[in-house]
N, C-alpha and C. Protein backbone atom coordinates (compact mmCIF):
# COMPACT_ATOMS: atom_id res chain seq x y z
N MET A 1 13.08 -21.11 3.94
CA MET A 1 12.56 -20.03 3.58
C MET A 1 11.97 -19.86 1.79
N PRO A 2 11.00 -19.52 1.46
CA PRO A 2 10.07 -19.36 0.31
C PRO A 2 11.52 -18.72 -0.75
N ASN A 3 11.26 -18.92 -1.75
CA ASN A 3 12.30 -18.11 -2.75
C ASN A 3 11.54 -16.86 -3.48
N THR A 4 11.59 -15.97 -4.07
CA THR A 4 11.53 -15.15 -4.53
C THR A 4 10.46 -15.38 -5.32
N LYS A 5 10.24 -16.48 -6.39
CA LYS A 5 8.91 -16.46 -6.96
C LYS A 5 8.10 -16.71 -6.65
N GLN A 6 8.22 -17.65 -5.21
CA GLN A 6 6.99 -18.55 -4.37
C GLN A 6 6.57 -17.45 -3.78
N ILE A 7 7.19 -16.33 -2.98
CA ILE A 7 6.90 -15.08 -2.54
C ILE A 7 6.23 -14.23 -2.82
N ASN A 8 6.29 -14.21 -4.32
CA ASN A 8 5.53 -13.29 -5.52
C ASN A 8 4.30 -13.85 -5.95
N GLU A 9 3.77 -15.11 -5.78
CA GLU A 9 3.40 -16.17 -5.98
C GLU A 9 2.39 -15.94 -4.55
N LEU A 10 2.47 -16.09 -3.81
CA LEU A 10 1.83 -15.90 -2.52
C LEU A 10 1.17 -14.36 -2.34
N LYS A 11 2.29 -13.38 -2.74
CA LYS A 11 1.59 -11.49 -3.05
C LYS A 11 0.54 -11.93 -4.14
N VAL A 12 0.43 -12.67 -5.05
CA VAL A 12 -0.56 -12.24 -5.70
C VAL A 12 -1.98 -12.87 -5.37
N ILE A 13 -1.71 -13.91 -4.17
CA ILE A 13 -2.96 -14.72 -3.76
C ILE A 13 -3.09 -14.01 -2.72
N LEU A 14 -2.37 -13.22 -2.22
CA LEU A 14 -3.20 -12.00 -1.00
C LEU A 14 -3.83 -10.96 -1.80
N LEU A 15 -3.27 -10.13 -2.44
CA LEU A 15 -3.47 -9.09 -3.41
C LEU A 15 -5.04 -9.56 -4.02
N ASP A 16 -5.32 -10.85 -4.39
CA ASP A 16 -6.45 -10.99 -4.72
C ASP A 16 -7.78 -11.50 -3.37
N ARG A 17 -6.89 -12.24 -2.37
CA ARG A 17 -8.04 -12.15 -1.67
C ARG A 17 -8.30 -10.91 -1.00
N LYS A 18 -7.25 -9.86 -0.46
CA LYS A 18 -7.89 -8.73 -0.38
C LYS A 18 -8.84 -7.56 -0.85
N GLU A 19 -8.96 -8.21 -2.42
CA GLU A 19 -9.92 -7.64 -3.42
C GLU A 19 -11.19 -8.27 -3.43
N LYS A 20 -10.98 -9.46 -3.22
CA LYS A 20 -12.30 -9.90 -2.78
C LYS A 20 -13.14 -9.58 -1.29
N LEU A 21 -12.25 -9.50 -0.32
CA LEU A 21 -12.92 -9.00 1.14
C LEU A 21 -13.01 -7.41 0.94
N LEU A 22 -12.63 -7.02 0.10
CA LEU A 22 -13.32 -5.59 0.09
C LEU A 22 -14.56 -5.46 -0.69
N LYS A 23 -15.02 -5.99 -1.61
CA LYS A 23 -15.93 -6.05 -2.54
C LYS A 23 -17.27 -7.04 -1.25
N ASN A 24 -16.76 -7.83 -0.77
CA ASN A 24 -17.26 -8.41 0.26
C ASN A 24 -18.35 -7.58 1.45
N ILE A 25 -16.91 -6.86 2.25
CA ILE A 25 -17.69 -5.74 2.97
C ILE A 25 -18.71 -4.63 2.84
N LEU A 26 -18.28 -4.08 1.52
CA LEU A 26 -19.24 -3.14 0.91
C LEU A 26 -20.42 -3.88 0.64
N GLY A 27 -20.34 -5.08 0.11
CA GLY A 27 -21.42 -5.32 -0.22
C GLY A 27 -22.46 -5.82 1.18
N THR A 28 -21.42 -6.26 2.18
CA THR A 28 -22.74 -6.00 3.16
C THR A 28 -22.57 -5.43 4.30
N ARG A 29 -22.23 -4.55 3.82
CA ARG A 29 -22.82 -2.70 4.61
C ARG A 29 -23.80 -2.30 3.75
N GLU A 30 -23.85 -2.78 2.77
CA GLU A 30 -25.24 -2.59 2.06
C GLU A 30 -26.06 -3.31 1.90
N ASN A 31 -25.97 -5.19 2.00
CA ASN A 31 -26.88 -5.39 2.94
C ASN A 31 -27.69 -5.01 4.18
N ILE A 32 -27.12 -4.46 5.16
CA ILE A 32 -27.15 -4.25 6.23
C ILE A 32 -28.17 -3.07 6.50
N ASP A 33 -27.96 -2.15 4.85
CA ASP A 33 -28.77 -0.69 5.11
C ASP A 33 -30.08 -1.11 4.24
N LEU A 34 -30.04 -1.95 3.77
CA LEU A 34 -31.15 -2.69 2.81
C LEU A 34 -31.97 -3.47 3.79
N LEU A 35 -31.42 -4.25 5.03
CA LEU A 35 -32.48 -4.70 5.65
C LEU A 35 -32.93 -3.97 7.00
N LYS A 36 -32.06 -2.64 6.86
CA LYS A 36 -32.49 -1.51 8.29
C LYS A 36 -33.32 -0.84 7.67
N GLY A 37 -34.03 -0.89 5.86
CA GLY A 37 -34.80 -0.03 5.25
C GLY A 37 -36.11 -0.78 5.13
N GLN A 38 -36.20 -2.02 5.38
CA GLN A 38 -37.43 -2.99 5.34
C GLN A 38 -38.56 -2.66 6.12
N ASP A 39 -39.76 -2.47 5.66
CA ASP A 39 -40.87 -2.39 6.58
C ASP A 39 -41.08 -3.81 7.13
N VAL A 40 -41.02 -3.60 8.77
CA VAL A 40 -41.12 -4.21 9.59
C VAL A 40 -42.72 -3.83 10.03
N LYS A 41 -43.85 -5.37 9.74
CA LYS A 41 -45.17 -5.82 10.33
C LYS A 41 -45.27 -5.72 11.52
N ASP A 42 -44.09 -6.77 11.85
CA ASP A 42 -44.84 -6.89 13.45
C ASP A 42 -43.46 -7.86 14.01
N ASP A 43 -43.75 -8.52 15.06
CA ASP A 43 -42.85 -8.97 15.93
C ASP A 43 -41.84 -9.86 15.23
N LEU A 44 -41.97 -10.71 14.34
CA LEU A 44 -41.47 -11.61 13.83
C LEU A 44 -40.87 -11.18 12.48
N ASP A 45 -41.06 -10.21 11.74
CA ASP A 45 -40.38 -9.70 10.84
C ASP A 45 -39.05 -8.50 11.56
N TYR A 46 -39.29 -8.11 12.72
CA TYR A 46 -38.56 -7.46 13.57
C TYR A 46 -37.28 -8.40 13.66
N ALA A 47 -37.65 -9.16 14.40
CA ALA A 47 -36.68 -10.61 14.95
C ALA A 47 -36.12 -10.78 13.72
N GLU A 48 -36.46 -11.20 12.20
CA GLU A 48 -35.64 -11.51 11.60
C GLU A 48 -34.81 -10.59 10.79
N VAL A 49 -35.35 -9.29 10.78
CA VAL A 49 -34.28 -8.18 10.35
C VAL A 49 -33.08 -8.41 11.51
N VAL A 50 -32.91 -8.05 12.64
CA VAL A 50 -32.49 -8.11 13.58
C VAL A 50 -31.39 -9.42 13.53
N SER A 51 -32.19 -10.73 13.48
CA SER A 51 -31.19 -11.62 13.64
C SER A 51 -30.60 -11.23 11.91
N ASP A 52 -31.33 -11.57 11.02
CA ASP A 52 -29.75 -10.89 9.58
C ASP A 52 -28.80 -10.22 9.53
N SER A 53 -29.36 -8.86 10.47
CA SER A 53 -28.63 -7.77 10.35
C SER A 53 -27.02 -8.28 11.32
N PHE A 54 -27.39 -8.72 12.27
CA PHE A 54 -26.40 -9.20 13.43
C PHE A 54 -25.63 -10.27 12.36
N THR A 55 -26.20 -10.60 11.83
CA THR A 55 -25.25 -12.16 10.69
C THR A 55 -24.10 -11.24 10.16
N GLU A 56 -24.44 -10.64 9.27
CA GLU A 56 -24.41 -9.83 7.93
C GLU A 56 -23.10 -9.06 9.24
N GLY A 57 -23.64 -8.28 10.19
CA GLY A 57 -22.44 -7.98 11.00
C GLY A 57 -21.43 -8.43 11.65
N MET A 58 -21.65 -9.83 11.57
CA MET A 58 -20.44 -10.79 12.09
C MET A 58 -19.53 -11.16 10.96
N ILE A 59 -20.54 -11.52 9.75
CA ILE A 59 -19.50 -11.49 8.63
C ILE A 59 -18.57 -10.28 8.40
N ALA A 60 -19.26 -9.40 8.25
CA ALA A 60 -18.33 -7.92 8.29
C ALA A 60 -17.27 -7.88 9.00
N ASN A 61 -17.47 -8.37 10.22
CA ASN A 61 -16.31 -8.15 11.53
C ASN A 61 -14.70 -8.98 11.11
N HIS A 62 -15.07 -10.90 10.66
CA HIS A 62 -14.61 -11.52 10.50
C HIS A 62 -13.73 -10.95 9.13
N HIS A 63 -14.58 -10.22 8.31
CA HIS A 63 -14.18 -9.94 6.63
C HIS A 63 -12.75 -8.93 7.28
N VAL A 64 -12.90 -8.03 7.52
CA VAL A 64 -12.15 -6.68 8.19
C VAL A 64 -10.91 -7.40 9.01
N LYS A 65 -11.25 -7.95 9.64
CA LYS A 65 -9.93 -9.04 10.41
C LYS A 65 -9.18 -9.15 9.85
N GLU A 66 -9.75 -10.51 8.48
CA GLU A 66 -8.78 -10.79 7.77
C GLU A 66 -8.13 -9.80 6.95
N LEU A 67 -8.50 -8.88 6.39
CA LEU A 67 -8.19 -8.05 5.66
C LEU A 67 -7.37 -7.05 6.22
N GLU A 68 -7.34 -6.75 7.47
CA GLU A 68 -5.91 -6.74 8.52
C GLU A 68 -4.66 -7.34 8.53
N GLU A 69 -4.93 -8.44 8.53
CA GLU A 69 -4.07 -9.62 8.55
C GLU A 69 -3.14 -9.65 7.01
N ILE A 70 -4.55 -9.54 5.85
CA ILE A 70 -3.74 -9.86 4.59
C ILE A 70 -2.43 -8.38 4.57
N GLU A 71 -3.36 -6.97 5.31
CA GLU A 71 -2.40 -5.77 5.17
C GLU A 71 -0.85 -6.27 5.68
N LEU A 72 -1.19 -6.65 6.57
CA LEU A 72 -0.27 -6.75 7.75
C LEU A 72 1.07 -7.86 6.84
N ALA A 73 0.71 -8.94 6.20
CA ALA A 73 1.61 -10.02 5.10
C ALA A 73 2.00 -8.97 4.15
N LEU A 74 1.36 -7.93 3.76
CA LEU A 74 1.75 -7.32 2.41
C LEU A 74 2.86 -6.63 2.63
N LYS A 75 3.04 -6.00 3.73
CA LYS A 75 3.50 -4.68 4.52
C LYS A 75 4.75 -6.08 4.91
N LYS A 76 4.88 -6.96 5.53
CA LYS A 76 5.94 -8.08 5.59
C LYS A 76 6.80 -8.30 4.07
N VAL A 77 5.93 -8.63 2.94
CA VAL A 77 6.60 -8.79 1.90
C VAL A 77 7.21 -7.65 1.20
N GLU A 78 7.16 -6.54 1.52
CA GLU A 78 7.53 -5.22 1.50
C GLU A 78 8.91 -4.97 1.94
N ASP A 79 9.16 -5.54 3.59
CA ASP A 79 10.34 -5.16 3.83
C ASP A 79 10.74 -6.32 4.38
N ARG A 80 10.53 -7.83 3.74
CA ARG A 80 11.62 -8.52 3.57
C ARG A 80 11.53 -9.61 4.50
N SER A 81 10.57 -9.77 5.65
CA SER A 81 10.75 -10.31 6.68
C SER A 81 9.18 -11.05 6.72
N TYR A 82 8.82 -11.55 5.72
CA TYR A 82 7.39 -12.34 5.16
C TYR A 82 7.82 -13.66 4.92
N GLY A 83 6.78 -14.51 6.09
CA GLY A 83 7.72 -15.94 6.06
C GLY A 83 8.17 -16.31 7.15
N ILE A 84 8.23 -15.13 8.15
CA ILE A 84 9.19 -15.75 9.33
C ILE A 84 8.16 -15.38 10.37
N CYS A 85 7.98 -16.39 11.26
CA CYS A 85 7.49 -16.54 13.13
C CYS A 85 7.26 -15.42 13.62
N ASP A 86 6.66 -14.87 14.04
CA ASP A 86 6.20 -13.47 14.69
C ASP A 86 6.74 -13.50 16.01
N MET A 87 6.35 -14.96 16.16
CA MET A 87 6.94 -15.86 17.51
C MET A 87 8.52 -16.36 17.76
N CYS A 88 8.88 -17.02 17.15
CA CYS A 88 9.99 -17.47 17.41
C CYS A 88 10.75 -17.18 16.58
N GLY A 89 10.28 -17.00 15.72
CA GLY A 89 11.74 -16.40 14.54
C GLY A 89 12.02 -17.21 13.37
N VAL A 90 11.43 -18.09 13.27
CA VAL A 90 11.89 -19.53 12.38
C VAL A 90 11.13 -18.97 11.44
N VAL A 91 11.60 -19.90 10.38
CA VAL A 91 11.04 -19.79 8.87
C VAL A 91 9.48 -20.31 8.75
N ILE A 92 8.82 -19.85 8.38
CA ILE A 92 7.00 -20.44 7.96
C ILE A 92 7.56 -21.75 6.96
N PRO A 93 6.68 -22.78 7.31
CA PRO A 93 6.93 -23.67 5.97
C PRO A 93 6.35 -22.88 4.57
N LEU A 94 6.40 -23.55 3.64
CA LEU A 94 5.83 -22.76 2.18
C LEU A 94 4.27 -23.26 2.44
N GLY A 95 4.01 -24.63 2.96
CA GLY A 95 2.68 -25.37 2.49
C GLY A 95 2.05 -24.95 3.69
N ARG A 96 2.30 -24.37 4.65
CA ARG A 96 1.56 -23.53 5.62
C ARG A 96 1.25 -22.17 5.06
N LEU A 97 2.02 -22.00 4.54
CA LEU A 97 1.78 -20.09 4.01
C LEU A 97 1.00 -20.63 2.21
N LYS A 98 1.23 -21.37 1.63
CA LYS A 98 0.13 -21.70 0.76
C LYS A 98 -1.43 -21.74 0.98
N ALA A 99 -1.39 -22.49 2.46
CA ALA A 99 -2.64 -22.83 3.22
C ALA A 99 -2.96 -21.41 3.86
N LYS A 100 -2.42 -20.64 4.21
CA LYS A 100 -3.11 -19.75 5.05
C LYS A 100 -2.21 -18.28 4.59
N PRO A 101 -2.31 -18.04 3.39
CA PRO A 101 -1.25 -16.55 3.07
C PRO A 101 -0.44 -15.60 3.96
N TYR A 102 -1.44 -15.40 5.01
CA TYR A 102 -1.32 -14.32 5.72
C TYR A 102 -0.92 -14.82 7.22
N ALA A 103 -0.50 -15.94 7.49
CA ALA A 103 0.18 -16.87 8.25
C ALA A 103 0.97 -16.03 9.40
N LYS A 104 1.14 -15.51 10.47
CA LYS A 104 1.89 -14.86 11.45
C LYS A 104 3.28 -15.79 12.16
N TYR A 105 2.49 -17.05 12.43
CA TYR A 105 2.86 -17.88 13.31
C TYR A 105 3.45 -19.22 12.29
N CYS A 106 4.33 -20.15 12.90
CA CYS A 106 4.84 -21.56 12.59
C CYS A 106 3.65 -22.41 13.40
N THR A 107 3.53 -23.60 12.78
CA THR A 107 1.89 -24.10 13.53
C THR A 107 2.67 -24.78 14.70
N GLU A 108 3.84 -25.01 15.38
CA GLU A 108 3.74 -24.94 16.77
C GLU A 108 3.74 -24.11 17.49
N CYS A 109 3.98 -22.21 17.34
CA CYS A 109 3.98 -21.30 17.39
C CYS A 109 2.32 -21.05 17.87
N ARG A 110 1.28 -21.55 16.69
CA ARG A 110 0.20 -21.37 16.72
C ARG A 110 -0.65 -22.41 17.74
N THR A 111 -0.29 -23.30 17.77
CA THR A 111 -0.62 -24.53 18.32
C THR A 111 -0.63 -23.62 19.64
N ALA A 112 0.54 -23.02 20.48
CA ALA A 112 0.87 -22.80 21.97
C ALA A 112 0.10 -21.35 21.85
N PHE A 113 -0.25 -20.54 20.96
CA PHE A 113 -1.01 -19.19 21.08
C PHE A 113 -2.43 -19.54 20.98
N GLU A 114 -3.29 -20.77 20.32
CA GLU A 114 -4.37 -21.01 20.37
C GLU A 114 -4.60 -21.27 22.08
N ALA A 115 -3.76 -22.24 22.74
CA ALA A 115 -3.67 -23.13 23.46
C ALA A 115 -3.78 -22.00 24.69
N GLU A 116 -3.22 -20.42 24.66
CA GLU A 116 -3.06 -19.22 25.57
C GLU A 116 -4.57 -19.28 25.85
N GLN A 117 -4.56 -18.71 24.16
CA GLN A 117 -6.19 -17.68 24.16
C GLN A 117 -7.32 -18.67 24.62
N ALA A 118 -7.31 -19.95 24.46
CA ALA A 118 -8.18 -20.84 25.22
C ALA A 118 -8.27 -20.90 26.98
N LYS A 119 -6.91 -20.78 27.35
CA LYS A 119 -6.68 -20.53 28.83
C LYS A 119 -7.52 -19.05 28.88
N GLY A 120 -7.36 -18.23 27.97
CA GLY A 120 -8.14 -16.62 28.80
C GLY A 120 -9.35 -16.88 28.77
N LYS A 121 -10.15 -17.83 27.89
CA LYS A 121 -11.85 -17.67 28.40
C LYS A 121 -12.26 -18.13 29.20
């Protein structure tokens, strides 16, 4: 189990990432608004604006999902359940948390989760 100092270091990383994501989401929304306001002269311009808007939207959706996972991790830090696998209850290795501070699963459970997700597609 990560010690208090390590958890606090990971919390700082989570808070920094949260701030960056919030700025990126706001910037993406502004970009989409700018794209909507562009003067479209022909079908090619229209296709480009639609494509760019779609791409910006997908990026924003990804950032929102990551932000939700970070918020959950921060709640777990506060209630002292941070670093425990949601699936099996074992301690998530510190190396995994350093690589992905909002990890909900240990490596083994993440692999099992991804295999189940792949079956559902």
